């Protein structure tokens, strides 16, 4: 009986060691060697990464050409429930502040979304602000997209004032952040 208890204890120790080795191996194999981690993620106080994207109708928007306006860059997808939930609030505040120099650039992550769902989505929600298409994932990479939705409040000088990862954002939060970037 004593031998059996010692044997079970040794088996547990061996099992724990194997689990630790497996975990350590997974960590080593999962390391990102692309170099992307050396580039700081867009954050408050720094210039917003520039991009050139087009709408489903083909109109081109270049972020750097919008200096002088307060901009909300919202990265989203049609299949994303929090994205869907925050769109009515974004549309409402856009209508309330657009005459003050505020613009929303809603960038659909088309490279991981159904491109044919974008226009019906915008129509369903009555969206009047520009919907842009990130067909290659370049903009998602520049903004180091980790979660949808991700929103960047950019002041008139092109500097990010606030980053909101996840959602949905409330109308109150949107209004507070928009009033800050309009100053």
C-alpha atoms as a PDB file:
ATOM      1  CA  UNK A   1       0.000   0.000   0.000  1.00  0.00           C
ATOM      2  CA  UNK A   2       2.828   2.419   0.910  1.00  0.00           C
ATOM      3  CA  UNK A   3       4.498   1.732  -2.466  1.00  0.00           C
ATOM      4  CA  UNK A   4       1.259   2.496  -4.280  1.00  0.00           C
ATOM      5  CA  UNK A   5       0.900   5.916  -2.553  1.00  0.00           C
ATOM      6  CA  UNK A   6       4.489   6.844  -3.434  1.00  0.00           C
ATOM      7  CA  UNK A   7       3.909   5.755  -7.015  1.00  0.00           C
ATOM      8  CA  UNK A   8       0.762   7.902  -7.303  1.00  0.00           C
ATOM      9  CA  UNK A   9       2.635  10.887  -5.864  1.00  0.00           C
ATOM     10  CA  UNK A  10       5.444  10.393  -8.407  1.00  0.00           C
ATOM     11  CA  UNK A  11       2.902  10.141 -11.243  1.00  0.00           C
ATOM     12  CA  UNK A  12       1.298  13.426 -10.157  1.00  0.00           C
ATOM     13  CA  UNK A  13       4.688  15.141 -10.040  1.00  0.00           C
ATOM     14  CA  UNK A  14       5.491  13.869 -13.526  1.00  0.00           C
ATOM     15  CA  UNK A  15       2.068  15.067 -14.762  1.00  0.00           C
ATOM     16  CA  UNK A  16       2.642  18.545 -13.276  1.00  0.00           C
ATOM     17  CA  UNK A  17       6.075  18.747 -14.880  1.00  0.00           C
ATOM     18  CA  UNK A  18       4.625  17.755 -18.260  1.00  0.00           C
ATOM     19  CA  UNK A  19       1.919  20.415 -17.947  1.00  0.00           C
ATOM     20  CA  UNK A  20       4.545  23.061 -17.111  1.00  0.00           C
ATOM     21  CA  UNK A  21       6.720  22.013 -20.056  1.00  0.00           C
ATOM     22  CA  UNK A  22       3.722  22.092 -22.401  1.00  0.00           C
ATOM     23  CA  UNK A  23       2.718  25.557 -21.158  1.00  0.00           C
ATOM     24  CA  UNK A  24       6.236  26.923 -21.509  1.00  0.00           C
ATOM     25  CA  UNK A  25       6.494  25.452 -25.011  1.00  0.00           C
ATOM     26  CA  UNK A  26       3.201  27.093 -25.999  1.00  0.00           C
ATOM     27  CA  UNK A  27       4.430  30.490 -24.765  1.00  0.00           C
ATOM     28  CA  UNK A  28       7.703  30.186 -26.707  1.00  0.00           C
ATOM     29  CA  UNK A  29       5.949  29.058 -29.899  1.00  0.00           C
ATOM     30  CA  UNK A  30       3.341  31.849 -29.632  1.00  0.00           C
ATOM     31  CA  UNK A  31       5.832  34.713 -29.573  1.00  0.00           C
ATOM     32  CA  UNK A  32       5.164  37.261 -32.332  1.00  0.00           C
ATOM     33  CA  UNK A  33       8.374  37.595 -34.346  1.00  0.00           C
ATOM     34  CA  UNK A  34       6.893  39.874 -37.025  1.00  0.00           C
ATOM     35  CA  UNK A  35       8.247  43.005 -35.350  1.00  0.00           C
ATOM     36  CA  UNK A  36       4.768  44.559 -35.133  1.00  0.00           C
ATOM     37  CA  UNK A  37       5.044  44.659 -31.357  1.00  0.00           C
ATOM     38  CA  UNK A  38       7.910  47.155 -31.677  1.00  0.00           C
ATOM     39  CA  UNK A  39       5.483  49.767 -32.995  1.00  0.00           C
ATOM     40  CA  UNK A  40       3.490  51.514 -30.301  1.00  0.00           C
ATOM     41  CA  UNK A  41      -0.258  51.164 -30.557  1.00  0.00           C
ATOM     42  CA  UNK A  42      -2.074  54.420 -31.333  1.00  0.00           C
ATOM     43  CA  UNK A  43      -2.713  56.172 -28.047  1.00  0.00           C
ATOM     44  CA  UNK A  44      -3.799  59.453 -26.528  1.00  0.00           C
ATOM     45  CA  UNK A  45      -1.367  62.292 -27.086  1.00  0.00           C
ATOM     46  CA  UNK A  46       0.050  60.946 -30.356  1.00  0.00           C
ATOM     47  CA  UNK A  47      -0.850  61.604 -34.003  1.00  0.00           C
ATOM     48  CA  UNK A  48      -3.478  59.304 -35.459  1.00  0.00           C
ATOM     49  CA  UNK A  49      -2.101  56.903 -38.087  1.00  0.00           C
ATOM     50  CA  UNK A  50      -3.034  58.188 -41.516  1.00  0.00           C
ATOM     51  CA  UNK A  51      -5.049  56.128 -43.968  1.00  0.00           C
ATOM     52  CA  UNK A  52      -6.680  56.397 -47.358  1.00  0.00           C
ATOM     53  CA  UNK A  53      -9.896  54.419 -47.710  1.00  0.00           C
ATOM     54  CA  UNK A  54     -12.973  54.551 -49.875  1.00  0.00           C
ATOM     55  CA  UNK A  55     -16.679  54.224 -49.343  1.00  0.00           C
ATOM     56  CA  UNK A  56     -18.748  51.495 -51.044  1.00  0.00           C
ATOM     57  CA  UNK A  57     -19.646  54.175 -53.615  1.00  0.00           C
ATOM     58  CA  UNK A  58     -15.953  54.838 -54.327  1.00  0.00           C
ATOM     59  CA  UNK A  59     -15.493  58.215 -52.582  1.00  0.00           C
ATOM     60  CA  UNK A  60     -11.982  58.473 -51.102  1.00  0.00           C
ATOM     61  CA  UNK A  61     -11.231  59.751 -47.597  1.00  0.00           C
ATOM     62  CA  UNK A  62      -7.731  60.554 -46.357  1.00  0.00           C
ATOM     63  CA  UNK A  63      -7.561  61.106 -42.609  1.00  0.00           C
ATOM     64  CA  UNK A  64      -4.716  63.653 -42.775  1.00  0.00           C
ATOM     65  CA  UNK A  65      -6.816  65.847 -45.089  1.00  0.00           C
ATOM     66  CA  UNK A  66      -9.408  66.219 -42.318  1.00  0.00           C
ATOM     67  CA  UNK A  67      -7.127  68.259 -40.022  1.00  0.00           C
ATOM     68  CA  UNK A  68      -9.153  71.131 -38.650  1.00  0.00           C
ATOM     69  CA  UNK A  69     -12.095  68.827 -37.973  1.00  0.00           C
ATOM     70  CA  UNK A  70     -12.751  66.702 -34.923  1.00  0.00           C
ATOM     71  CA  UNK A  71     -12.865  63.058 -36.026  1.00  0.00           C
ATOM     72  CA  UNK A  72     -14.191  59.852 -34.533  1.00  0.00           C
ATOM     73  CA  UNK A  73     -12.561  56.847 -36.198  1.00  0.00           C
ATOM     74  CA  UNK A  74     -14.658  53.792 -35.368  1.00  0.00           C
ATOM     75  CA  UNK A  75     -13.400  50.336 -36.408  1.00  0.00           C
ATOM     76  CA  UNK A  76     -16.283  47.874 -36.645  1.00  0.00           C
ATOM     77  CA  UNK A  77     -17.903  44.945 -38.498  1.00  0.00           C
ATOM     78  CA  UNK A  78     -21.490  44.076 -39.363  1.00  0.00           C
ATOM     79  CA  UNK A  79     -21.335  40.798 -37.416  1.00  0.00           C
ATOM     80  CA  UNK A  80     -20.179  42.485 -34.178  1.00  0.00           C
ATOM     81  CA  UNK A  81     -23.042  42.822 -31.614  1.00  0.00           C
ATOM     82  CA  UNK A  82     -21.477  45.746 -29.639  1.00  0.00           C
ATOM     83  CA  UNK A  83     -20.810  47.529 -32.952  1.00  0.00           C
ATOM     84  CA  UNK A  84     -24.468  47.152 -33.886  1.00  0.00           C
ATOM     85  CA  UNK A  85     -25.553  48.368 -30.456  1.00  0.00           C
ATOM     86  CA  UNK A  86     -23.526  51.599 -30.550  1.00  0.00           C
ATOM     87  CA  UNK A  87     -24.317  52.687 -34.117  1.00  0.00           C
ATOM     88  CA  UNK A  88     -27.615  54.467 -33.278  1.00  0.00           C
ATOM     89  CA  UNK A  89     -25.860  56.562 -30.595  1.00  0.00           C
ATOM     90  CA  UNK A  90     -23.008  57.385 -32.990  1.00  0.00           C
ATOM     91  CA  UNK A  91     -25.499  58.473 -35.660  1.00  0.00           C
ATOM     92  CA  UNK A  92     -27.387  60.636 -33.149  1.00  0.00           C
ATOM     93  CA  UNK A  93     -24.282  62.485 -31.926  1.00  0.00           C
ATOM     94  CA  UNK A  94     -23.035  62.841 -35.500  1.00  0.00           C
ATOM     95  CA  UNK A  95     -26.265  64.624 -36.399  1.00  0.00           C
ATOM     96  CA  UNK A  96     -25.967  66.852 -33.319  1.00  0.00           C
ATOM     97  CA  UNK A  97     -22.308  67.859 -33.848  1.00  0.00           C
ATOM     98  CA  UNK A  98     -21.607  67.648 -37.595  1.00  0.00           C
ATOM     99  CA  UNK A  99     -22.249  71.377 -38.111  1.00  0.00           C
ATOM    100  CA  UNK A 100     -19.619  72.123 -35.449  1.00  0.00           C
ATOM    101  CA  UNK A 101     -16.833  70.477 -37.468  1.00  0.00           C
ATOM    102  CA  UNK A 102     -17.278  66.878 -36.281  1.00  0.00           C
ATOM    103  CA  UNK A 103     -17.054  63.890 -38.603  1.00  0.00           C
ATOM    104  CA  UNK A 104     -17.366  60.162 -38.063  1.00  0.00           C
ATOM    105  CA  UNK A 105     -15.316  57.768 -40.178  1.00  0.00           C
ATOM    106  CA  UNK A 106     -16.782  54.325 -39.562  1.00  0.00           C
ATOM    107  CA  UNK A 107     -14.298  51.818 -40.956  1.00  0.00           C
ATOM    108  CA  UNK A 108     -15.759  48.402 -41.652  1.00  0.00           C
ATOM    109  CA  UNK A 109     -13.202  45.622 -41.295  1.00  0.00           C
ATOM    110  CA  UNK A 110     -14.175  44.378 -44.741  1.00  0.00           C
ATOM    111  CA  UNK A 111     -11.229  41.990 -44.904  1.00  0.00           C
ATOM    112  CA  UNK A 112     -12.957  39.944 -42.166  1.00  0.00           C
ATOM    113  CA  UNK A 113     -16.566  40.892 -42.904  1.00  0.00           C
ATOM    114  CA  UNK A 114     -19.115  40.270 -45.644  1.00  0.00           C
ATOM    115  CA  UNK A 115     -18.590  43.188 -48.065  1.00  0.00           C
ATOM    116  CA  UNK A 116     -22.152  42.780 -49.329  1.00  0.00           C
ATOM    117  CA  UNK A 117     -23.553  43.303 -45.821  1.00  0.00           C
ATOM    118  CA  UNK A 118     -22.098  46.801 -45.328  1.00  0.00           C
ATOM    119  CA  UNK A 119     -24.541  48.871 -47.383  1.00  0.00           C
ATOM    120  CA  UNK A 120     -27.662  47.056 -46.093  1.00  0.00           C
ATOM    121  CA  UNK A 121     -26.315  47.501 -42.542  1.00  0.00           C
ATOM    122  CA  UNK A 122     -25.865  51.267 -43.057  1.00  0.00           C
ATOM    123  CA  UNK A 123     -29.356  51.521 -44.559  1.00  0.00           C
ATOM    124  CA  UNK A 124     -30.918  49.468 -41.750  1.00  0.00           C
ATOM    125  CA  UNK A 125     -29.430  51.793 -39.114  1.00  0.00           C
ATOM    126  CA  UNK A 126     -29.984  54.995 -41.132  1.00  0.00           C
ATOM    127  CA  UNK A 127     -26.287  55.879 -41.019  1.00  0.00           C
ATOM    128  CA  UNK A 128     -25.429  59.149 -42.766  1.00  0.00           C
ATOM    129  CA  UNK A 129     -21.748  59.470 -41.854  1.00  0.00           C
ATOM    130  CA  UNK A 130     -19.060  58.026 -44.161  1.00  0.00           C
ATOM    131  CA  UNK A 131     -18.677  54.250 -44.085  1.00  0.00           C
ATOM    132  CA  UNK A 132     -15.196  53.268 -45.227  1.00  0.00           C
ATOM    133  CA  UNK A 133     -13.929  49.844 -46.265  1.00  0.00           C
ATOM    134  CA  UNK A 134     -10.700  48.319 -44.938  1.00  0.00           C
ATOM    135  CA  UNK A 135     -10.459  45.619 -47.592  1.00  0.00           C
ATOM    136  CA  UNK A 136      -6.828  44.658 -46.976  1.00  0.00           C
ATOM    137  CA  UNK A 137      -6.541  44.980 -43.195  1.00  0.00           C
ATOM    138  CA  UNK A 138      -3.891  47.708 -43.545  1.00  0.00           C
ATOM    139  CA  UNK A 139      -5.791  50.195 -41.412  1.00  0.00           C
ATOM    140  CA  UNK A 140      -6.550  47.521 -38.802  1.00  0.00           C
ATOM    141  CA  UNK A 141      -2.812  46.798 -38.658  1.00  0.00           C
ATOM    142  CA  UNK A 142      -1.905  50.498 -38.393  1.00  0.00           C
ATOM    143  CA  UNK A 143      -4.314  50.851 -35.469  1.00  0.00           C
ATOM    144  CA  UNK A 144      -3.224  47.482 -34.033  1.00  0.00           C
ATOM    145  CA  UNK A 145      -6.825  46.323 -33.885  1.00  0.00           C
ATOM    146  CA  UNK A 146      -7.362  43.829 -31.068  1.00  0.00           C
ATOM    147  CA  UNK A 147     -11.082  44.138 -30.413  1.00  0.00           C
ATOM    148  CA  UNK A 148     -14.211  45.369 -32.140  1.00  0.00           C
ATOM    149  CA  UNK A 149     -15.423  47.998 -31.880  1.00  0.00           C
ATOM    150  CA  UNK A 150     -12.419  50.244 -31.340  1.00  0.00           C
ATOM    151  CA  UNK A 151     -12.861  54.012 -31.381  1.00  0.00           C
ATOM    152  CA  UNK A 152     -10.347  56.848 -31.645  1.00  0.00           C
ATOM    153  CA  UNK A 153     -11.337  60.415 -30.789  1.00  0.00           C
ATOM    154  CA  UNK A 154      -9.022  62.702 -32.766  1.00  0.00           C
ATOM    155  CA  UNK A 155      -8.808  66.453 -32.166  1.00  0.00           C
ATOM    156  CA  UNK A 156      -8.626  69.161 -34.834  1.00  0.00           C
ATOM    157  CA  UNK A 157      -4.815  68.929 -34.893  1.00  0.00           C
ATOM    158  CA  UNK A 158      -4.894  65.214 -35.753  1.00  0.00           C
ATOM    159  CA  UNK A 159      -3.873  64.080 -32.257  1.00  0.00           C
ATOM    160  CA  UNK A 160      -5.656  61.196 -30.579  1.00  0.00           C
ATOM    161  CA  UNK A 161      -7.378  62.469 -27.432  1.00  0.00           C
ATOM    162  CA  UNK A 162      -9.020  59.215 -26.313  1.00  0.00           C
ATOM    163  CA  UNK A 163      -9.083  55.543 -27.285  1.00  0.00           C
ATOM    164  CA  UNK A 164     -12.075  53.376 -26.420  1.00  0.00           C
ATOM    165  CA  UNK A 165     -11.594  49.647 -26.981  1.00  0.00           C
ATOM    166  CA  UNK A 166     -14.769  47.591 -26.906  1.00  0.00           C
ATOM    167  CA  UNK A 167     -18.286  48.767 -26.603  1.00  0.00           C
ATOM    168  CA  UNK A 168     -20.973  49.642 -26.986  1.00  0.00           C
ATOM    169  CA  UNK A 169     -20.293  53.277 -26.153  1.00  0.00           C
ATOM    170  CA  UNK A 170     -23.120  55.188 -24.534  1.00  0.00           C
ATOM    171  CA  UNK A 171     -24.437  58.425 -25.967  1.00  0.00           C
ATOM    172  CA  UNK A 172     -23.224  60.228 -22.838  1.00  0.00           C
ATOM    173  CA  UNK A 173     -19.654  58.955 -23.277  1.00  0.00           C
ATOM    174  CA  UNK A 174     -19.744  59.932 -26.954  1.00  0.00           C
ATOM    175  CA  UNK A 175     -20.963  63.457 -26.198  1.00  0.00           C
ATOM    176  CA  UNK A 176     -18.315  63.997 -23.511  1.00  0.00           C
ATOM    177  CA  UNK A 177     -15.473  62.844 -25.766  1.00  0.00           C
ATOM    178  CA  UNK A 178     -16.761  64.747 -28.816  1.00  0.00           C
ATOM    179  CA  UNK A 179     -17.028  68.004 -26.869  1.00  0.00           C
ATOM    180  CA  UNK A 180     -13.414  67.531 -25.753  1.00  0.00           C
ATOM    181  CA  UNK A 181     -12.093  67.049 -29.311  1.00  0.00           C
ATOM    182  CA  UNK A 182     -14.153  69.966 -30.646  1.00  0.00           C
ATOM    183  CA  UNK A 183     -12.313  72.436 -28.372  1.00  0.00           C
END
